[in-house]
Amino acid sequence: MKRKVTKWVGLVIITAAVGGLLSGCAWSIGSDRCAGKVVAPPTRGQELIDLKKAKDQGAITEEEYQAQRKKIMEK
């Protein structure tokens, strides 16, 4: 009896692992794709806020900021 249970548990684990690989979930670690969540694209306002933060932290120059801001506003 113990062997049958062990055999079934092993089969379930293998099936789950193969199913995860075939569905692509194994390759999307860190994303919400396999968690069943729908992630909305950022709003224009959020993009502008993020862009301003990048400029304030010195990650981008004033020129890069203005160019990206223009692109966002034209969307």
PDB file of N, CA and C in Angstrom:
ATOM      1  N   MET A   1       0.823  -1.198   0.000  1.00  0.00           N
ATOM      2  CA  MET A   1       0.000   0.000   0.000  1.00  0.00           C
ATOM      3  C   MET A   1       0.864   1.258   0.000  1.00  0.00           C
ATOM      4  N   LYS A   2       1.936   1.241   0.805  1.00  0.00           N
ATOM      5  CA  LYS A   2       2.816   2.393   0.912  1.00  0.00           C
ATOM      6  C   LYS A   2       3.481   2.688  -0.434  1.00  0.00           C
ATOM      7  N   ARG A   3       3.813   1.652  -1.177  1.00  0.00           N
ATOM      8  CA  ARG A   3       4.438   1.827  -2.492  1.00  0.00           C
ATOM      9  C   ARG A   3       3.482   2.505  -3.463  1.00  0.00           C
ATOM     10  N   LYS A   4       2.200   2.140  -3.418  1.00  0.00           N
ATOM     11  CA  LYS A   4       1.213   2.733  -4.317  1.00  0.00           C
ATOM     12  C   LYS A   4       1.085   4.228  -4.056  1.00  0.00           C
ATOM     13  N   VAL A   5       1.033   4.613  -2.789  1.00  0.00           N
ATOM     14  CA  VAL A   5       0.918   6.026  -2.426  1.00  0.00           C
ATOM     15  C   VAL A   5       2.154   6.781  -2.893  1.00  0.00           C
ATOM     16  N   THR A   6       3.319   6.232  -2.644  1.00  0.00           N
ATOM     17  CA  THR A   6       4.564   6.874  -3.051  1.00  0.00           C
ATOM     18  C   THR A   6       4.609   7.025  -4.565  1.00  0.00           C
ATOM     19  N   LYS A   7       4.157   5.998  -5.279  1.00  0.00           N
ATOM     20  CA  LYS A   7       4.137   6.026  -6.730  1.00  0.00           C
ATOM     21  C   LYS A   7       3.202   7.145  -7.233  1.00  0.00           C
ATOM     22  N   TRP A   8       2.036   7.260  -6.624  1.00  0.00           N
ATOM     23  CA  TRP A   8       1.074   8.291  -7.030  1.00  0.00           C
ATOM     24  C   TRP A   8       1.580   9.701  -6.715  1.00  0.00           C
ATOM     25  N   VAL A   9       2.202   9.867  -5.582  1.00  0.00           N
ATOM     26  CA  VAL A   9       2.758  11.172  -5.214  1.00  0.00           C
ATOM     27  C   VAL A   9       3.839  11.571  -6.208  1.00  0.00           C
ATOM     28  N   GLY A  10       4.701  10.639  -6.549  1.00  0.00           N
ATOM     29  CA  GLY A  10       5.743  10.914  -7.535  1.00  0.00           C
ATOM     30  C   GLY A  10       5.148  11.272  -8.887  1.00  0.00           C
ATOM     31  N   LEU A  11       4.105  10.577  -9.291  1.00  0.00           N
ATOM     32  CA  LEU A  11       3.443  10.851 -10.561  1.00  0.00           C
ATOM     33  C   LEU A  11       2.820  12.245 -10.572  1.00  0.00           C
ATOM     34  N   VAL A  12       2.207  12.630  -9.469  1.00  0.00           N
ATOM     35  CA  VAL A  12       1.602  13.961  -9.369  1.00  0.00           C
ATOM     36  C   VAL A  12       2.672  15.043  -9.452  1.00  0.00           C
ATOM     37  N   ILE A  13       3.781  14.851  -8.777  1.00  0.00           N
ATOM     38  CA  ILE A  13       4.870  15.839  -8.798  1.00  0.00           C
ATOM     39  C   ILE A  13       5.447  15.974 -10.203  1.00  0.00           C
ATOM     40  N   ILE A  14       5.676  14.874 -10.866  1.00  0.00           N
ATOM     41  CA  ILE A  14       6.221  14.898 -12.228  1.00  0.00           C
ATOM     42  C   ILE A  14       5.235  15.570 -13.181  1.00  0.00           C
ATOM     43  N   THR A  15       3.950  15.237 -13.056  1.00  0.00           N
ATOM     44  CA  THR A  15       2.924  15.838 -13.914  1.00  0.00           C
ATOM     45  C   THR A  15       2.870  17.348 -13.718  1.00  0.00           C
ATOM     46  N   ALA A  16       2.944  17.797 -12.485  1.00  0.00           N
ATOM     47  CA  ALA A  16       2.914  19.237 -12.205  1.00  0.00           C
ATOM     48  C   ALA A  16       4.138  19.929 -12.786  1.00  0.00           C
ATOM     49  N   ALA A  17       5.287  19.311 -12.660  1.00  0.00           N
ATOM     50  CA  ALA A  17       6.527  19.906 -13.183  1.00  0.00           C
ATOM     51  C   ALA A  17       6.477  20.005 -14.700  1.00  0.00           C
ATOM     52  N   VAL A  18       6.039  18.953 -15.354  1.00  0.00           N
ATOM     53  CA  VAL A  18       5.945  18.973 -16.822  1.00  0.00           C
ATOM     54  C   VAL A  18       4.897  19.982 -17.265  1.00  0.00           C
ATOM     55  N   GLY A  19       3.776  20.025 -16.572  1.00  0.00           N
ATOM     56  CA  GLY A  19       2.727  20.999 -16.909  1.00  0.00           C
ATOM     57  C   GLY A  19       3.231  22.424 -16.768  1.00  0.00           C
ATOM     58  N   GLY A  20       3.990  22.694 -15.731  1.00  0.00           N
ATOM     59  CA  GLY A  20       4.554  24.032 -15.532  1.00  0.00           C
ATOM     60  C   GLY A  20       5.529  24.405 -16.629  1.00  0.00           C
ATOM     61  N   LEU A  21       6.342  23.464 -17.040  1.00  0.00           N
ATOM     62  CA  LEU A  21       7.299  23.733 -18.116  1.00  0.00           C
ATOM     63  C   LEU A  21       6.593  23.982 -19.444  1.00  0.00           C
ATOM     64  N   LEU A  22       5.587  23.185 -19.720  1.00  0.00           N
ATOM     65  CA  LEU A  22       4.875  23.326 -20.993  1.00  0.00           C
ATOM     66  C   LEU A  22       4.035  24.594 -21.057  1.00  0.00           C
ATOM     67  N   SER A  23       3.568  25.067 -19.919  1.00  0.00           N
ATOM     68  CA  SER A  23       2.744  26.272 -19.919  1.00  0.00           C
ATOM     69  C   SER A  23       3.585  27.545 -19.943  1.00  0.00           C
ATOM     70  N   GLY A  24       4.883  27.420 -19.744  1.00  0.00           N
ATOM     71  CA  GLY A  24       5.755  28.580 -19.766  1.00  0.00           C
ATOM     72  C   GLY A  24       5.928  29.231 -18.407  1.00  0.00           C
ATOM     73  N   CYS A  25       5.253  28.757 -17.407  1.00  0.00           N
ATOM     74  CA  CYS A  25       5.332  29.366 -16.084  1.00  0.00           C
ATOM     75  C   CYS A  25       6.731  29.268 -15.484  1.00  0.00           C
ATOM     76  N   ALA A  26       7.450  28.233 -15.839  1.00  0.00           N
ATOM     77  CA  ALA A  26       8.801  28.085 -15.299  1.00  0.00           C
ATOM     78  C   ALA A  26       9.725  29.177 -15.810  1.00  0.00           C
ATOM     79  N   TRP A  27       9.402  29.754 -16.942  1.00  0.00           N
ATOM     80  CA  TRP A  27      10.251  30.771 -17.549  1.00  0.00           C
ATOM     81  C   TRP A  27       9.807  32.177 -17.197  1.00  0.00           C
ATOM     82  N   SER A  28       8.759  32.321 -16.434  1.00  0.00           N
ATOM     83  CA  SER A  28       8.255  33.655 -16.123  1.00  0.00           C
ATOM     84  C   SER A  28       8.404  33.983 -14.647  1.00  0.00           C
ATOM     85  N   ILE A  29       9.462  33.519 -14.047  1.00  0.00           N
ATOM     86  CA  ILE A  29       9.711  33.780 -12.632  1.00  0.00           C
ATOM     87  C   ILE A  29       9.809  35.291 -12.412  1.00  0.00           C
ATOM     88  N   GLY A  30       9.077  35.771 -11.438  1.00  0.00           N
ATOM     89  CA  GLY A  30       9.112  37.194 -11.132  1.00  0.00           C
ATOM     90  C   GLY A  30       8.050  37.992 -11.862  1.00  0.00           C
ATOM     91  N   SER A  31       7.296  37.356 -12.735  1.00  0.00           N
ATOM     92  CA  SER A  31       6.238  38.090 -13.425  1.00  0.00           C
ATOM     93  C   SER A  31       4.888  37.640 -12.888  1.00  0.00           C
ATOM     94  N   ASP A  32       3.856  38.362 -13.230  1.00  0.00           N
ATOM     95  CA  ASP A  32       2.507  38.026 -12.788  1.00  0.00           C
ATOM     96  C   ASP A  32       1.771  37.181 -13.816  1.00  0.00           C
ATOM     97  N   ARG A  33       2.463  36.797 -14.890  1.00  0.00           N
ATOM     98  CA  ARG A  33       1.817  36.090 -15.985  1.00  0.00           C
ATOM     99  C   ARG A  33       1.147  34.799 -15.535  1.00  0.00           C
ATOM    100  N   CYS A  34       1.800  34.031 -14.707  1.00  0.00           N
ATOM    101  CA  CYS A  34       1.259  32.750 -14.294  1.00  0.00           C
ATOM    102  C   CYS A  34       0.490  32.832 -12.980  1.00  0.00           C
ATOM    103  N   ALA A  35       0.449  33.974 -12.386  1.00  0.00           N
ATOM    104  CA  ALA A  35      -0.281  34.134 -11.133  1.00  0.00           C
ATOM    105  C   ALA A  35      -1.744  34.453 -11.388  1.00  0.00           C
ATOM    106  N   GLY A  36      -2.134  34.542 -12.658  1.00  0.00           N
ATOM    107  CA  GLY A  36      -3.517  34.832 -12.991  1.00  0.00           C
ATOM    108  C   GLY A  36      -3.859  36.302 -12.882  1.00  0.00           C
ATOM    109  N   LYS A  37      -2.851  37.135 -12.738  1.00  0.00           N
ATOM    110  CA  LYS A  37      -3.087  38.566 -12.601  1.00  0.00           C
ATOM    111  C   LYS A  37      -2.977  39.241 -13.960  1.00  0.00           C
ATOM    112  N   VAL A  38      -3.812  40.213 -14.180  1.00  0.00           N
ATOM    113  CA  VAL A  38      -3.724  41.012 -15.391  1.00  0.00           C
ATOM    114  C   VAL A  38      -3.078  42.330 -15.003  1.00  0.00           C
ATOM    115  N   VAL A  39      -1.968  42.641 -15.627  1.00  0.00           N
ATOM    116  CA  VAL A  39      -1.227  43.839 -15.285  1.00  0.00           C
ATOM    117  C   VAL A  39      -1.521  44.897 -16.339  1.00  0.00           C
ATOM    118  N   ALA A  40      -2.121  45.990 -15.892  1.00  0.00           N
ATOM    119  CA  ALA A  40      -2.451  47.083 -16.805  1.00  0.00           C
ATOM    120  C   ALA A  40      -1.199  47.897 -17.114  1.00  0.00           C
ATOM    121  N   PRO A  41      -1.120  48.421 -18.325  1.00  0.00           N
ATOM    122  CA  PRO A  41       0.022  49.281 -18.631  1.00  0.00           C
ATOM    123  C   PRO A  41      -0.037  50.549 -17.779  1.00  0.00           C
ATOM    124  N   PRO A  42       1.106  51.176 -17.530  1.00  0.00           N
ATOM    125  CA  PRO A  42       1.096  52.382 -16.690  1.00  0.00           C
ATOM    126  C   PRO A  42       0.336  53.520 -17.381  1.00  0.00           C
ATOM    127  N   THR A  43      -0.270  54.354 -16.582  1.00  0.00           N
ATOM    128  CA  THR A  43      -0.973  55.517 -17.124  1.00  0.00           C
ATOM    129  C   THR A  43       0.042  56.569 -17.551  1.00  0.00           C
ATOM    130  N   ARG A  44      -0.408  57.521 -18.313  1.00  0.00           N
ATOM    131  CA  ARG A  44       0.470  58.609 -18.759  1.00  0.00           C
ATOM    132  C   ARG A  44       1.021  59.347 -17.532  1.00  0.00           C
ATOM    133  N   GLY A  45       0.176  59.572 -16.557  1.00  0.00           N
ATOM    134  CA  GLY A  45       0.614  60.260 -15.342  1.00  0.00           C
ATOM    135  C   GLY A  45       1.705  59.498 -14.614  1.00  0.00           C
ATOM    136  N   GLN A  46       1.536  58.164 -14.518  1.00  0.00           N
ATOM    137  CA  GLN A  46       2.555  57.356 -13.835  1.00  0.00           C
ATOM    138  C   GLN A  46       3.862  57.370 -14.616  1.00  0.00           C
ATOM    139  N   GLU A  47       3.783  57.335 -15.938  1.00  0.00           N
ATOM    140  CA  GLU A  47       4.999  57.403 -16.751  1.00  0.00           C
ATOM    141  C   GLU A  47       5.730  58.720 -16.517  1.00  0.00           C
ATOM    142  N   LEU A  48       4.971  59.818 -16.421  1.00  0.00           N
ATOM    143  CA  LEU A  48       5.590  61.126 -16.180  1.00  0.00           C
ATOM    144  C   LEU A  48       6.230  61.198 -14.796  1.00  0.00           C
ATOM    145  N   ILE A  49       5.563  60.618 -13.813  1.00  0.00           N
ATOM    146  CA  ILE A  49       6.103  60.598 -12.449  1.00  0.00           C
ATOM    147  C   ILE A  49       7.411  59.810 -12.425  1.00  0.00           C
ATOM    148  N   ASP A  50       7.413  58.629 -13.062  1.00  0.00           N
ATOM    149  CA  ASP A  50       8.611  57.799 -13.100  1.00  0.00           C
ATOM    150  C   ASP A  50       9.751  58.498 -13.838  1.00  0.00           C
ATOM    151  N   LEU A  51       9.406  59.181 -14.915  1.00  0.00           N
ATOM    152  CA  LEU A  51      10.404  59.903 -15.693  1.00  0.00           C
ATOM    153  C   LEU A  51      11.028  61.022 -14.869  1.00  0.00           C
ATOM    154  N   LYS A  52      10.198  61.759 -14.130  1.00  0.00           N
ATOM    155  CA  LYS A  52      10.684  62.854 -13.281  1.00  0.00           C
ATOM    156  C   LYS A  52      11.609  62.318 -12.192  1.00  0.00           C
ATOM    157  N   LYS A  53      11.241  61.187 -11.607  1.00  0.00           N
ATOM    158  CA  LYS A  53      12.087  60.568 -10.586  1.00  0.00           C
ATOM    159  C   LYS A  53      13.448  60.200 -11.162  1.00  0.00           C
ATOM    160  N   ALA A  54      13.446  59.652 -12.373  1.00  0.00           N
ATOM    161  CA  ALA A  54      14.705  59.268 -13.016  1.00  0.00           C
ATOM    162  C   ALA A  54      15.585  60.494 -13.224  1.00  0.00           C
ATOM    163  N   LYS A  55      14.974  61.603 -13.643  1.00  0.00           N
ATOM    164  CA  LYS A  55      15.747  62.833 -13.858  1.00  0.00           C
ATOM    165  C   LYS A  55      16.272  63.372 -12.523  1.00  0.00           C
ATOM    166  N   ASP A  56      15.416  63.408 -11.510  1.00  0.00           N
ATOM    167  CA  ASP A  56      15.805  63.926 -10.198  1.00  0.00           C
ATOM    168  C   ASP A  56      16.920  63.103  -9.551  1.00  0.00           C
ATOM    169  N   GLN A  57      16.949  61.804  -9.849  1.00  0.00           N
ATOM    170  CA  GLN A  57      17.977  60.930  -9.277  1.00  0.00           C
ATOM    171  C   GLN A  57      19.242  60.900 -10.121  1.00  0.00           C
ATOM    172  N   GLY A  58      19.228  61.620 -11.236  1.00  0.00           N
ATOM    173  CA  GLY A  58      20.411  61.695 -12.078  1.00  0.00           C
ATOM    174  C   GLY A  58      20.578  60.534 -13.039  1.00  0.00           C
ATOM    175  N   ALA A  59      19.535  59.731 -13.187  1.00  0.00           N
ATOM    176  CA  ALA A  59      19.631  58.577 -14.087  1.00  0.00           C
ATOM    177  C   ALA A  59      19.577  58.998 -15.551  1.00  0.00           C
ATOM    178  N   ILE A  60      18.911  60.132 -15.827  1.00  0.00           N
ATOM    179  CA  ILE A  60      18.844  60.660 -17.191  1.00  0.00           C
ATOM    180  C   ILE A  60      19.137  62.154 -17.168  1.00  0.00           C
ATOM    181  N   THR A  61      19.549  62.681 -18.300  1.00  0.00           N
ATOM    182  CA  THR A  61      19.859  64.111 -18.393  1.00  0.00           C
ATOM    183  C   THR A  61      18.587  64.908 -18.643  1.00  0.00           C
ATOM    184  N   GLU A  62      18.707  66.220 -18.542  1.00  0.00           N
ATOM    185  CA  GLU A  62      17.582  67.108 -18.823  1.00  0.00           C
ATOM    186  C   GLU A  62      17.103  66.929 -20.263  1.00  0.00           C
ATOM    187  N   GLU A  63      18.034  66.772 -21.190  1.00  0.00           N
ATOM    188  CA  GLU A  63      17.677  66.592 -22.595  1.00  0.00           C
ATOM    189  C   GLU A  63      16.901  65.283 -22.805  1.00  0.00           C
ATOM    190  N   GLU A  64      17.376  64.209 -22.162  1.00  0.00           N
ATOM    191  CA  GLU A  64      16.685  62.925 -22.261  1.00  0.00           C
ATOM    192  C   GLU A  64      15.291  63.023 -21.641  1.00  0.00           C
ATOM    193  N   TYR A  65      15.221  63.724 -20.521  1.00  0.00           N
ATOM    194  CA  TYR A  65      13.940  63.928 -19.843  1.00  0.00           C
ATOM    195  C   TYR A  65      12.949  64.634 -20.773  1.00  0.00           C
ATOM    196  N   GLN A  66      13.385  65.724 -21.378  1.00  0.00           N
ATOM    197  CA  GLN A  66      12.487  66.493 -22.246  1.00  0.00           C
ATOM    198  C   GLN A  66      12.047  65.673 -23.462  1.00  0.00           C
ATOM    199  N   ALA A  67      12.975  64.909 -24.047  1.00  0.00           N
ATOM    200  CA  ALA A  67      12.639  64.092 -25.214  1.00  0.00           C
ATOM    201  C   ALA A  67      11.615  63.009 -24.851  1.00  0.00           C
ATOM    202  N   GLN A  68      11.842  62.340 -23.728  1.00  0.00           N
ATOM    203  CA  GLN A  68      10.921  61.283 -23.306  1.00  0.00           C
ATOM    204  C   GLN A  68       9.573  61.859 -22.890  1.00  0.00           C
ATOM    205  N   ARG A  69       9.601  63.002 -22.230  1.00  0.00           N
ATOM    206  CA  ARG A  69       8.366  63.662 -21.810  1.00  0.00           C
ATOM    207  C   ARG A  69       7.520  64.017 -23.035  1.00  0.00           C
ATOM    208  N   LYS A  70       8.176  64.504 -24.073  1.00  0.00           N
ATOM    209  CA  LYS A  70       7.473  64.858 -25.305  1.00  0.00           C
ATOM    210  C   LYS A  70       6.803  63.619 -25.921  1.00  0.00           C
ATOM    211  N   LYS A  71       7.539  62.492 -25.940  1.00  0.00           N
ATOM    212  CA  LYS A  71       6.979  61.247 -26.483  1.00  0.00           C
ATOM    213  C   LYS A  71       5.757  60.810 -25.696  1.00  0.00           C
ATOM    214  N   ILE A  72       5.849  60.896 -24.378  1.00  0.00           N
ATOM    215  CA  ILE A  72       4.725  60.479 -23.528  1.00  0.00           C
ATOM    216  C   ILE A  72       3.518  61.365 -23.782  1.00  0.00           C
ATOM    217  N   MET A  73       3.742  62.661 -23.878  1.00  0.00           N
ATOM    218  CA  MET A  73       2.633  63.601 -24.067  1.00  0.00           C
ATOM    219  C   MET A  73       1.980  63.448 -25.440  1.00  0.00           C
ATOM    220  N   GLU A  74       2.715  62.942 -26.416  1.00  0.00           N
ATOM    221  CA  GLU A  74       2.156  62.764 -27.759  1.00  0.00           C
ATOM    222  C   GLU A  74       1.347  61.492 -27.912  1.00  0.00           C
ATOM    223  N   LYS A  75       1.373  60.630 -26.923  1.00  0.00           N
ATOM    224  CA  LYS A  75       0.621  59.363 -26.995  1.00  0.00           C
ATOM    225  C   LYS A  75      -0.862  59.611 -27.018  1.00  0.00           C
TER     226      LYS A  75
END
